[in-house]
Amino acid sequence: MKKKHKPLCGVWYGVAINQDVTGDTKIHQDWGDHGYNCVVPWGEYEGSCLVLWQLKMAVELQPGDAFFFVGSLIAHNVQDVKGVRNSIDLFCHCTVLSWKEKCKEKRQNMKSRLRRGKKLSLRQARKLKSVNI
């Protein structure tokens, strides 16, 4: 990839597999998600609009299309499914990111204690060595 091009988003830590959708789904907003969601539908269906409520927009996705949107900011659902629709929803939940930050903070605190000359227990030293975030 050329340097002037940047990726749209990073790694997704979560995936939801929605199977056998045959009608309208419930309107919802993914409050705990961080960044972009990516939805990829498949199956034997017609119609099937992804409705993005705040944008007053309905997007008809064909099997295999990939659609990126911010699910934490936009309420959404699927409507008018004729047939059987499945989809994969890729996302990154905030709890994973906050856990990573807590681990990083803990490691920095242990390193700080070492710099100040305070001894660590054997258990703390092993944790410091094993946590490599």
Protein backbone atom coordinates (compact mmCIF):
# COMPACT_ATOMS: atom_id res chain seq x y z
CA MET A 1 0.00 0.00 0.00
CA LYS A 2 1.36 3.42 -0.92
CA LYS A 3 2.17 5.75 1.97
CA LYS A 4 -0.46 8.30 0.94
CA HIS A 5 -3.20 5.68 1.39
CA LYS A 6 -4.33 4.89 4.91
CA PRO A 7 -6.55 2.01 6.02
CA LEU A 8 -10.19 2.89 6.68
CA CYS A 9 -10.17 1.02 9.98
CA GLY A 10 -8.14 -1.40 12.08
CA VAL A 11 -8.67 -4.89 13.38
CA TRP A 12 -12.12 -6.08 14.46
CA TYR A 13 -12.14 -8.08 17.70
CA GLY A 14 -15.74 -9.20 17.48
CA VAL A 15 -18.04 -10.86 15.01
CA ALA A 16 -21.77 -11.48 15.09
CA ILE A 17 -23.23 -14.05 12.72
CA ASN A 18 -26.90 -13.37 12.00
CA GLN A 19 -28.57 -16.41 10.44
CA ASP A 20 -31.92 -17.13 8.84
CA VAL A 21 -33.36 -13.62 8.87
CA THR A 22 -36.69 -13.77 7.04
CA GLY A 23 -38.38 -10.50 8.02
CA ASP A 24 -37.63 -7.14 9.59
CA THR A 25 -35.10 -6.97 12.40
CA LYS A 26 -35.35 -4.79 15.50
CA ILE A 27 -34.09 -1.19 15.29
CA HIS A 28 -30.99 -0.86 17.45
CA GLN A 29 -27.82 1.12 18.02
CA ASP A 30 -24.55 -0.58 19.02
CA TRP A 31 -23.65 1.77 21.89
CA GLY A 32 -20.64 -0.28 23.02
CA ASP A 33 -18.91 -0.46 19.65
CA HIS A 34 -15.87 1.60 18.76
CA GLY A 35 -15.12 2.76 15.22
CA TYR A 36 -16.54 1.21 12.08
CA ASN A 37 -18.76 -1.84 11.75
CA CYS A 38 -18.63 -3.90 8.58
CA VAL A 39 -21.68 -5.89 7.48
CA VAL A 40 -21.39 -8.62 4.83
CA PRO A 41 -24.68 -10.34 3.88
CA TRP A 42 -25.13 -13.67 2.13
CA GLY A 43 -27.97 -16.05 1.36
CA GLU A 44 -30.84 -16.45 -1.06
CA TYR A 45 -32.92 -13.32 -0.69
CA GLU A 46 -34.27 -10.29 -2.51
CA GLY A 47 -34.84 -6.77 -1.28
CA SER A 48 -33.40 -6.50 2.20
CA CYS A 49 -32.58 -2.87 2.92
CA LEU A 50 -30.21 -1.84 5.70
CA VAL A 51 -32.00 1.21 7.12
CA LEU A 52 -29.81 3.92 8.68
CA TRP A 53 -32.37 5.92 10.63
CA GLN A 54 -30.58 9.20 11.49
CA LEU A 55 -29.39 9.46 7.88
CA LYS A 56 -32.91 8.72 6.54
CA MET A 57 -31.30 6.26 4.18
CA ALA A 58 -31.95 2.66 3.11
CA VAL A 59 -29.16 0.69 1.41
CA GLU A 60 -29.96 -2.47 -0.54
CA LEU A 61 -27.02 -4.86 -0.10
CA GLN A 62 -26.42 -7.78 -2.43
CA PRO A 63 -24.89 -11.04 -1.18
CA GLY A 64 -21.14 -10.53 -0.71
CA ASP A 65 -21.27 -6.71 -0.51
CA ALA A 66 -19.32 -5.15 2.37
CA PHE A 67 -20.87 -2.08 3.99
CA PHE A 68 -19.02 0.10 6.51
CA PHE A 69 -20.84 2.37 8.97
CA VAL A 70 -20.54 3.59 12.56
CA GLY A 71 -23.10 1.45 14.40
CA SER A 72 -22.59 3.27 17.70
CA LEU A 73 -23.79 6.55 16.17
CA ILE A 74 -26.46 5.35 13.74
CA ALA A 75 -29.59 3.37 14.69
CA HIS A 76 -30.14 0.64 12.11
CA ASN A 77 -32.07 -2.45 11.16
CA VAL A 78 -32.84 -4.66 8.16
CA GLN A 79 -36.23 -4.47 6.44
CA ASP A 80 -38.13 -6.09 3.58
CA VAL A 81 -36.27 -9.40 3.47
CA LYS A 82 -37.79 -11.75 0.90
CA GLY A 83 -36.13 -15.12 1.26
CA VAL A 84 -33.44 -16.07 3.78
CA ARG A 85 -30.70 -13.55 4.59
CA ASN A 86 -27.59 -14.15 6.70
CA SER A 87 -24.87 -11.67 7.57
CA ILE A 88 -21.58 -11.26 9.32
CA ASP A 89 -21.18 -8.09 11.40
CA LEU A 90 -17.59 -7.20 12.27
CA PHE A 91 -17.07 -4.83 15.20
CA CYS A 92 -14.74 -3.78 17.99
CA HIS A 93 -16.39 -3.47 21.39
CA CYS A 94 -15.15 -0.77 23.78
CA THR A 95 -14.65 -3.24 26.65
CA VAL A 96 -11.77 -4.90 24.78
CA LEU A 97 -10.06 -1.54 24.33
CA SER A 98 -10.57 -0.52 27.97
CA TRP A 99 -9.16 -3.91 29.11
CA LYS A 100 -6.06 -3.31 26.96
CA GLU A 101 -5.60 0.16 28.50
CA LYS A 102 -5.95 -1.26 32.05
CA CYS A 103 -3.26 -3.86 31.31
CA LYS A 104 -0.97 -1.20 29.87
CA GLU A 105 -1.52 1.03 32.93
CA LYS A 106 -0.83 -1.87 35.31
CA ARG A 107 2.40 -2.69 33.51
CA GLN A 108 3.53 0.95 33.64
CA ASN A 109 2.78 1.08 37.38
CA MET A 110 4.90 -2.02 37.98
CA LYS A 111 7.78 -0.55 35.94
CA SER A 112 7.47 2.68 37.89
CA ARG A 113 7.74 0.78 41.19
CA LEU A 114 10.91 -0.91 39.94
CA ARG A 115 12.45 2.44 38.99
CA ARG A 116 11.74 3.77 42.48
CA GLY A 117 13.56 0.79 43.95
CA LYS A 118 10.53 -1.00 45.36
CA LYS A 119 10.63 -4.75 45.12
CA LEU A 120 8.00 -6.74 43.31
CA SER A 121 6.66 -10.05 44.49
CA LEU A 122 7.56 -13.08 42.38
CA ARG A 123 3.98 -13.15 41.10
CA GLN A 124 4.12 -9.47 40.04
CA ALA A 125 7.48 -9.99 38.32
CA ARG A 126 6.08 -12.93 36.34
CA LYS A 127 3.06 -10.86 35.31
CA LEU A 128 5.29 -8.03 34.19
CA LYS A 129 7.30 -10.42 32.09
CA SER A 130 4.26 -12.17 30.55
CA VAL A 131 2.15 -9.08 29.76
CA ASN A 132 3.56 -7.64 26.60
CA ILE A 133 1.07 -4.99 25.50
